[in-house]
Amino acid sequence: IEEGGNKMSKRIKYRMLVSFLIVFVLVLSATVASAKNAQDNNLEAFFDNTVNSKLEKYHIPNATVAVVKDGEIVYKKGFGLADIENNIPVDADTTLFRIGSTSKLITWTAVMQLVEAGKLDLNTDINTYLDFEIPPQLEKPLRNTTAKPITMTDLMTHTPGFEDYPGMLFRLSKDELLPLNDYIKNYLPARIFPAGEVAAYSNYGTALAGYIVERVSGLPFSEYVEKNIFTPLNMNKSTYRQPPALDSPVRIAKPYRFVNGSYTEASFEYIMLEPAGSMSSTASDMANFMLAHLSGGAYNGGRILKEETLKEMHKQHFTYDSTLGGMTLGFMHGVFNDKNVLFHGGSTMLYNTGL
């Protein structure tokens, strides 16, 4: 961790690690065994045995898994203890996990809602939507000194050409957080690649998209997604707020590190770029989100996108070669077991997720 992260790095060097929230479309069970075996055998026994063995082998204190198939949640379960000291188990419906960069999928869904409403255009210079200017100059360019304007498509495919500063993302004190507006304007990263040409993962780019959601919608980012994504999908436990406001029986799975034969609890980590990774959620809530994306934009009476909008979002929009995976509008795309798979992972200093 660089610059402002040095102090935090020392403080958590022996205290960090990992809680897991894992949400799978069924074909992704290939990561631990073939999807065919998972379906042929008892699904519950398969996941129970697999997850419990990994928790024991790697000293993972807590985890939760949800699996969806054919429009339904076919498996959900919590593993381990959300609170070791008080012997409180993980519950798939009520235990929150920090989901890191998997949060970005909600941000991109919000963008597509505004595209669908005619308030954003995927191919317009994003300066159109900002109250400050992103300059066209490239720093230390490989070829050109100026680049074409950055578009929403560039942000969503991680091709705006920005540098990224992961050491700036994490804080241990809420007092060190900056409002999204301040961070976006005061920590603009260098442009080092022409827009649309090089895939370079950009937390700033996602946060910039979240700021554009704020400006276009007139609502704070967290309020917008609560109203337009969480509420329609009954994701009532999910939040971008830090720390999450918890109502009984909801609680956050505490993060621990296994050191010298015992678990040590870590401090709460604050994430500077809210739309890029501050979300907390449950396995059940994330299952609802997956089901909406797999069911034409609607689930259980709530709709977040039209089917044609979703199809555009799920199409591959960037790749280096047609034989390779690439990026849709927000999702990563690859082929696993001859299946086209949309996926995204997320990691903070203390939690890991996979969708």
Protein backbone atom coordinates (compact mmCIF):
# COMPACT_ATOMS: atom_id res chain seq x y z
CA ILE A 1 0.00 0.00 0.00
CA GLU A 2 1.45 3.35 -1.03
CA GLU A 3 1.45 6.90 0.29
CA GLY A 4 -1.40 7.48 2.76
CA GLY A 5 -1.85 3.74 3.20
CA ASN A 6 1.52 3.14 4.93
CA LYS A 7 0.22 3.76 8.43
CA MET A 8 -2.81 1.57 7.91
CA SER A 9 -0.69 -1.18 6.35
CA LYS A 10 1.43 -1.44 9.48
CA ARG A 11 -1.60 -1.46 11.78
CA ILE A 12 -3.37 -4.26 10.01
CA LYS A 13 -0.37 -6.28 8.88
CA TYR A 14 -1.13 -9.00 11.40
CA ARG A 15 -4.84 -8.31 11.78
CA MET A 16 -6.38 -8.54 8.36
CA LEU A 17 -8.16 -11.38 6.73
CA VAL A 18 -10.81 -12.80 5.25
CA SER A 19 -14.46 -13.42 5.34
CA PHE A 20 -16.17 -14.70 2.24
CA LEU A 21 -19.48 -14.04 0.56
CA ILE A 22 -19.78 -16.29 -2.48
CA VAL A 23 -22.67 -16.11 -4.91
CA PHE A 24 -22.80 -18.42 -7.90
CA VAL A 25 -24.75 -18.94 -11.03
CA LEU A 26 -24.86 -22.72 -11.08
CA VAL A 27 -22.48 -23.13 -14.03
CA LEU A 28 -19.77 -21.44 -11.97
CA SER A 29 -19.68 -24.36 -9.56
CA ALA A 30 -17.04 -25.59 -12.00
CA THR A 31 -14.54 -23.66 -9.89
CA VAL A 32 -14.71 -26.36 -7.24
CA ALA A 33 -16.01 -29.34 -9.24
CA SER A 34 -17.74 -29.88 -12.55
CA ALA A 35 -21.17 -28.32 -12.90
CA LYS A 36 -22.49 -31.67 -14.09
CA ASN A 37 -21.45 -33.38 -10.85
CA ALA A 38 -22.96 -30.57 -8.81
CA GLN A 39 -26.31 -31.07 -10.49
CA ASP A 40 -26.23 -34.87 -10.59
CA ASN A 41 -25.44 -35.22 -6.91
CA ASN A 42 -27.24 -33.70 -3.99
CA LEU A 43 -26.65 -29.97 -4.31
CA GLU A 44 -26.77 -29.25 -0.60
CA ALA A 45 -24.32 -32.02 0.25
CA PHE A 46 -22.00 -30.89 -2.54
CA PHE A 47 -21.74 -27.31 -1.31
CA ASP A 48 -21.80 -28.21 2.38
CA ASN A 49 -18.87 -30.58 1.96
CA THR A 50 -16.90 -28.33 -0.37
CA VAL A 51 -17.24 -25.09 1.61
CA ASN A 52 -16.71 -26.68 5.02
CA SER A 53 -13.54 -28.38 3.83
CA LYS A 54 -12.15 -25.08 2.50
CA LEU A 55 -13.00 -23.21 5.69
CA GLU A 56 -11.19 -25.84 7.74
CA LYS A 57 -8.18 -26.07 5.42
CA TYR A 58 -7.59 -22.32 5.12
CA HIS A 59 -8.84 -21.22 8.57
CA ILE A 60 -11.60 -19.08 7.10
CA PRO A 61 -13.77 -17.83 9.99
CA ASN A 62 -17.03 -17.21 8.15
CA ALA A 63 -18.61 -17.49 4.72
CA THR A 64 -21.94 -17.56 2.95
CA VAL A 65 -23.07 -19.01 -0.37
CA ALA A 66 -26.13 -18.60 -2.57
CA VAL A 67 -26.85 -20.50 -5.79
CA VAL A 68 -29.55 -19.62 -8.32
CA LYS A 69 -30.91 -21.64 -11.23
CA ASP A 70 -33.93 -21.36 -13.51
CA GLY A 71 -35.30 -18.27 -11.79
CA GLU A 72 -35.04 -19.60 -8.24
CA ILE A 73 -32.68 -19.64 -5.29
CA VAL A 74 -31.83 -23.34 -5.10
CA TYR A 75 -29.31 -23.14 -2.25
CA LYS A 76 -28.29 -20.63 0.40
CA LYS A 77 -26.40 -21.15 3.61
CA GLY A 78 -24.11 -19.48 6.12
CA PHE A 79 -20.92 -21.09 7.41
CA GLY A 80 -18.84 -20.39 10.48
CA LEU A 81 -19.37 -17.65 13.01
CA ALA A 82 -20.23 -14.04 12.26
CA ASP A 83 -19.10 -13.18 15.79
CA ILE A 84 -16.71 -15.63 17.41
CA GLU A 85 -16.71 -14.03 20.85
CA ASN A 86 -20.50 -14.26 21.13
CA ASN A 87 -20.83 -17.57 19.23
CA ILE A 88 -23.21 -16.10 16.63
CA PRO A 89 -23.44 -18.16 13.41
CA VAL A 90 -23.57 -16.77 9.89
CA ASP A 91 -27.07 -16.59 8.40
CA ALA A 92 -27.50 -16.30 4.61
CA ASP A 93 -30.50 -13.99 5.04
CA THR A 94 -29.26 -11.62 7.72
CA THR A 95 -25.44 -11.63 7.89
CA LEU A 96 -23.78 -8.83 5.97
CA PHE A 97 -20.43 -9.18 4.20
CA ARG A 98 -18.42 -6.42 2.53
CA ILE A 99 -18.46 -7.30 -1.16
CA GLY A 100 -15.67 -5.05 -2.43
CA SER A 101 -15.54 -4.55 -6.19
CA THR A 102 -18.59 -6.74 -6.76
CA SER A 103 -20.31 -3.49 -5.71
CA LYS A 104 -19.41 -2.15 -9.15
CA LEU A 105 -22.14 -4.28 -10.74
CA ILE A 106 -24.79 -2.27 -8.90
CA THR A 107 -23.13 0.97 -10.04
CA TRP A 108 -23.17 -0.19 -13.67
CA THR A 109 -26.80 -1.26 -13.35
CA ALA A 110 -27.62 2.26 -12.12
CA VAL A 111 -25.85 3.72 -15.14
CA MET A 112 -27.88 1.52 -17.49
CA GLN A 113 -31.10 2.63 -15.83
CA LEU A 114 -30.23 6.23 -16.68
CA VAL A 115 -29.25 5.20 -20.23
CA GLU A 116 -32.62 3.50 -20.54
CA ALA A 117 -34.34 6.67 -19.30
CA GLY A 118 -32.57 8.75 -21.95
CA LYS A 119 -30.57 10.72 -19.37
CA LEU A 120 -27.18 9.25 -20.28
CA ASP A 121 -25.64 8.27 -23.58
CA LEU A 122 -23.05 5.49 -23.69
CA ASN A 123 -20.99 7.17 -26.42
CA THR A 124 -21.03 10.83 -25.34
CA ASP A 125 -18.01 12.61 -23.84
CA ILE A 126 -18.49 12.24 -20.07
CA ASN A 127 -17.42 15.88 -19.60
CA THR A 128 -20.98 16.62 -20.75
CA TYR A 129 -22.24 15.28 -17.42
CA LEU A 130 -19.56 16.71 -15.11
CA ASP A 131 -19.09 20.02 -13.29
CA PHE A 132 -15.34 19.93 -13.94
CA GLU A 133 -13.27 18.99 -16.98
CA ILE A 134 -11.21 15.87 -17.59
CA PRO A 135 -8.41 17.20 -19.80
CA PRO A 136 -7.55 15.46 -23.08
CA GLN A 137 -3.79 15.33 -22.51
CA LEU A 138 -2.05 12.02 -21.88
CA GLU A 139 0.86 11.81 -19.46
CA LYS A 140 3.92 9.92 -20.71
CA PRO A 141 2.06 8.79 -23.82
CA LEU A 142 3.21 5.81 -25.80
CA ARG A 143 2.07 7.47 -29.04
CA ASN A 144 -0.24 10.47 -29.00
CA THR A 145 -0.21 13.42 -26.64
CA THR A 146 -3.98 13.85 -26.77
CA ALA A 147 -6.74 11.28 -26.75
CA LYS A 148 -10.35 11.10 -27.81
CA PRO A 149 -12.94 11.88 -25.11
CA ILE A 150 -13.80 9.28 -22.49
CA THR A 151 -17.31 7.81 -22.77
CA MET A 152 -19.53 5.84 -20.41
CA THR A 153 -18.71 2.73 -22.47
CA ASP A 154 -15.03 3.33 -21.73
CA LEU A 155 -15.73 3.58 -18.00
CA MET A 156 -17.87 0.44 -18.03
CA THR A 157 -15.27 -1.63 -19.88
CA HIS A 158 -12.35 -0.30 -17.78
CA THR A 159 -10.79 1.34 -20.82
CA PRO A 160 -10.76 5.07 -19.89
CA GLY A 161 -6.94 4.93 -19.71
CA PHE A 162 -6.56 6.13 -16.11
CA GLU A 163 -3.85 5.13 -13.70
CA ASP A 164 -5.21 3.52 -10.53
CA TYR A 165 -4.07 4.15 -6.97
CA PRO A 166 -5.19 1.25 -4.75
CA GLY A 167 -3.24 2.63 -1.81
CA MET A 168 -5.67 5.54 -1.67
CA LEU A 169 -8.78 3.38 -1.24
CA PHE A 170 -8.73 2.26 2.40
CA ARG A 171 -8.93 4.10 5.72
CA LEU A 172 -9.32 3.02 9.33
CA SER A 173 -11.11 6.17 10.48
CA LYS A 174 -14.41 7.57 9.23
CA ASP A 175 -12.96 11.06 9.72
CA GLU A 176 -10.54 10.38 6.86
CA LEU A 177 -13.31 9.76 4.32
CA LEU A 178 -13.89 12.44 1.71
CA PRO A 179 -17.26 13.17 0.10
CA LEU A 180 -17.43 11.58 -3.36
CA ASN A 181 -17.62 15.03 -4.94
CA ASP A 182 -14.35 16.13 -3.26
CA TYR A 183 -12.43 12.97 -4.05
CA ILE A 184 -13.45 12.89 -7.71
CA LYS A 185 -12.31 16.47 -8.28
CA ASN A 186 -9.15 16.48 -6.15
CA TYR A 187 -7.69 13.07 -6.97
CA LEU A 188 -8.11 12.87 -10.73
CA PRO A 189 -5.60 10.21 -11.86
CA ALA A 190 -3.28 10.61 -14.80
CA ARG A 191 -4.51 9.59 -18.24
CA ILE A 192 -1.85 7.27 -19.62
CA PHE A 193 -3.69 5.30 -22.35
CA PRO A 194 -6.00 6.50 -25.13
CA ALA A 195 -9.62 5.84 -24.19
CA GLY A 196 -11.07 2.61 -25.52
CA GLU A 197 -7.76 0.93 -26.36
CA VAL A 198 -6.31 -0.62 -23.19
CA ALA A 199 -8.11 -2.47 -20.41
CA ALA A 200 -6.73 -1.12 -17.12
CA TYR A 201 -8.90 -1.73 -14.06
CA SER A 202 -10.06 1.60 -12.70
CA ASN A 203 -11.63 2.14 -9.29
CA TYR A 204 -11.62 5.86 -10.00
CA GLY A 205 -13.48 5.27 -13.28
CA THR A 206 -16.27 3.42 -11.46
CA ALA A 207 -16.48 6.11 -8.78
CA LEU A 208 -16.63 8.73 -11.54
CA ALA A 209 -19.60 6.85 -13.02
CA GLY A 210 -21.25 6.87 -9.59
CA TYR A 211 -20.70 10.62 -9.38
CA ILE A 212 -22.34 11.01 -12.80
CA VAL A 213 -25.30 8.98 -11.47
CA GLU A 214 -25.56 11.52 -8.64
CA ARG A 215 -25.40 14.51 -10.99
CA VAL A 216 -27.88 13.18 -13.53
CA SER A 217 -30.39 11.75 -11.03
CA GLY A 218 -30.18 14.55 -8.47
CA LEU A 219 -29.83 12.00 -5.64
CA PRO A 220 -26.82 10.97 -3.54
CA PHE A 221 -25.42 7.76 -5.01
CA SER A 222 -26.32 5.50 -2.06
CA GLU A 223 -29.85 6.92 -1.97
CA TYR A 224 -30.29 6.39 -5.72
CA VAL A 225 -29.39 2.69 -5.62
CA GLU A 226 -31.50 2.10 -2.52
CA LYS A 227 -34.54 3.58 -4.23
CA ASN A 228 -34.04 2.17 -7.73
CA ILE A 229 -32.28 -1.18 -7.26
CA PHE A 230 -32.40 -2.42 -3.67
CA THR A 231 -36.07 -1.63 -3.01
CA PRO A 232 -37.48 -3.12 -6.27
CA LEU A 233 -35.47 -6.32 -5.72
CA ASN A 234 -36.23 -6.59 -2.00
CA MET A 235 -32.51 -6.23 -1.21
CA ASN A 236 -33.47 -4.71 2.10
CA LYS A 237 -30.25 -5.62 3.92
CA SER A 238 -27.89 -4.12 1.33
CA THR A 239 -26.22 -0.74 1.69
CA TYR A 240 -23.26 1.35 0.55
CA ARG A 241 -23.23 3.28 3.82
CA GLN A 242 -20.17 2.95 6.06
CA PRO A 243 -20.52 1.46 8.54
CA PRO A 244 -23.87 -0.11 7.64
CA ALA A 245 -26.78 0.84 9.88
CA LEU A 246 -27.75 -2.48 11.43
CA ASP A 247 -31.22 -3.42 12.63
CA SER A 248 -31.75 -6.60 14.65
CA PRO A 249 -31.28 -9.38 13.64
CA VAL A 250 -28.96 -8.05 10.90
CA ARG A 251 -25.24 -8.01 11.76
CA ILE A 252 -22.01 -7.82 9.83
CA ALA A 253 -19.69 -10.82 9.70
CA LYS A 254 -16.64 -9.74 11.65
CA PRO A 255 -13.33 -10.19 9.82
CA TYR A 256 -10.55 -12.16 11.49
CA ARG A 257 -7.02 -13.32 10.82
CA PHE A 258 -5.80 -16.71 11.99
CA VAL A 259 -2.53 -15.99 13.82
CA ASN A 260 -0.62 -18.37 16.09
CA GLY A 261 -3.51 -20.80 16.34
CA SER A 262 -6.32 -18.33 17.08
CA TYR A 263 -8.48 -15.72 15.36
CA THR A 264 -7.78 -12.02 15.88
CA GLU A 265 -10.52 -9.52 15.02
CA ALA A 266 -9.67 -6.71 12.59
CA SER A 267 -10.85 -3.11 12.61
CA PHE A 268 -13.63 -1.85 10.34
CA GLU A 269 -12.19 -0.60 7.07
CA TYR A 270 -13.59 2.45 5.31
CA ILE A 271 -13.47 2.51 1.52
CA MET A 272 -12.87 5.92 -0.02
CA LEU A 273 -14.62 5.43 -3.37
CA GLU A 274 -18.16 4.44 -2.39
CA PRO A 275 -19.52 3.35 -5.81
CA ALA A 276 -16.41 1.26 -6.49
CA GLY A 277 -16.50 -0.99 -3.44
CA SER A 278 -18.15 0.04 -0.17
CA MET A 279 -21.31 -2.11 -0.41
CA SER A 280 -22.33 -4.59 2.28
CA SER A 281 -24.84 -7.33 1.46
CA THR A 282 -26.19 -10.77 2.27
CA ALA A 283 -26.15 -13.93 0.19
CA SER A 284 -29.93 -13.74 -0.23
CA ASP A 285 -29.87 -10.14 -1.42
CA MET A 286 -27.15 -10.86 -3.97
CA ALA A 287 -29.12 -13.87 -5.18
CA ASN A 288 -32.05 -11.53 -5.91
CA PHE A 289 -29.71 -9.28 -7.90
CA MET A 290 -28.43 -12.22 -9.94
CA LEU A 291 -31.94 -13.48 -10.60
CA ALA A 292 -33.01 -10.08 -11.94
CA HIS A 293 -30.06 -10.07 -14.34
CA LEU A 294 -30.80 -13.64 -15.41
CA SER A 295 -34.54 -13.02 -15.83
CA GLY A 296 -34.76 -10.12 -18.23
CA GLY A 297 -34.33 -7.39 -15.62
CA ALA A 298 -37.14 -8.36 -13.26
CA TYR A 299 -37.54 -10.58 -10.21
CA ASN A 300 -40.46 -11.27 -7.88
CA GLY A 301 -42.51 -8.36 -9.16
CA GLY A 302 -39.70 -5.80 -9.17
CA ARG A 303 -38.08 -4.57 -12.38
CA ILE A 304 -34.74 -2.78 -12.61
CA LEU A 305 -34.11 -2.82 -16.39
CA LYS A 306 -35.92 -3.63 -19.60
CA GLU A 307 -34.91 -6.87 -21.29
CA GLU A 308 -33.42 -5.12 -24.34
CA THR A 309 -31.32 -2.88 -22.08
CA LEU A 310 -30.06 -5.92 -20.22
CA LYS A 311 -29.12 -7.66 -23.46
CA GLU A 312 -27.02 -4.65 -24.45
CA MET A 313 -25.38 -4.60 -21.03
CA HIS A 314 -24.53 -8.32 -21.20
CA LYS A 315 -22.99 -8.18 -24.70
CA GLN A 316 -19.21 -8.16 -24.97
CA HIS A 317 -18.09 -4.58 -25.68
CA PHE A 318 -14.32 -4.92 -25.37
CA THR A 319 -11.82 -7.67 -26.03
CA TYR A 320 -8.33 -7.86 -27.49
CA ASP A 321 -9.28 -10.80 -29.68
CA SER A 322 -12.48 -12.66 -30.55
CA THR A 323 -11.03 -15.90 -29.13
CA LEU A 324 -10.57 -14.31 -25.69
CA GLY A 325 -12.86 -13.19 -22.92
CA GLY A 326 -13.35 -9.51 -22.29
CA MET A 327 -15.72 -6.94 -20.84
CA THR A 328 -19.43 -6.40 -21.23
CA LEU A 329 -20.87 -3.14 -19.91
CA GLY A 330 -19.70 -3.82 -16.37
CA PHE A 331 -19.43 -7.61 -16.20
CA MET A 332 -16.32 -9.59 -17.02
CA HIS A 333 -16.94 -12.22 -19.68
CA GLY A 334 -15.32 -15.61 -20.22
CA VAL A 335 -16.05 -19.16 -21.37
CA PHE A 336 -15.97 -21.93 -18.74
CA ASN A 337 -16.98 -25.54 -19.46
CA ASP A 338 -18.18 -24.31 -22.86
CA LYS A 339 -20.57 -21.88 -21.18
CA ASN A 340 -20.60 -18.12 -21.66
CA VAL A 341 -20.24 -16.73 -18.15
CA LEU A 342 -20.62 -13.21 -16.80
CA PHE A 343 -18.80 -12.72 -13.52
CA HIS A 344 -17.14 -10.27 -11.16
CA GLY A 345 -15.00 -10.60 -8.07
CA GLY A 346 -14.31 -8.27 -5.21
CA SER A 347 -11.69 -7.91 -2.50
CA THR A 348 -11.16 -5.43 0.28
CA MET A 349 -8.26 -5.77 2.71
CA LEU A 350 -10.49 -8.00 4.84
CA TYR A 351 -13.18 -9.64 2.68
CA ASN A 352 -13.37 -11.53 -0.60
CA THR A 353 -16.37 -12.18 -2.84
CA GLY A 354 -17.19 -13.82 -6.12
CA LEU A 355 -20.32 -13.55 -8.27
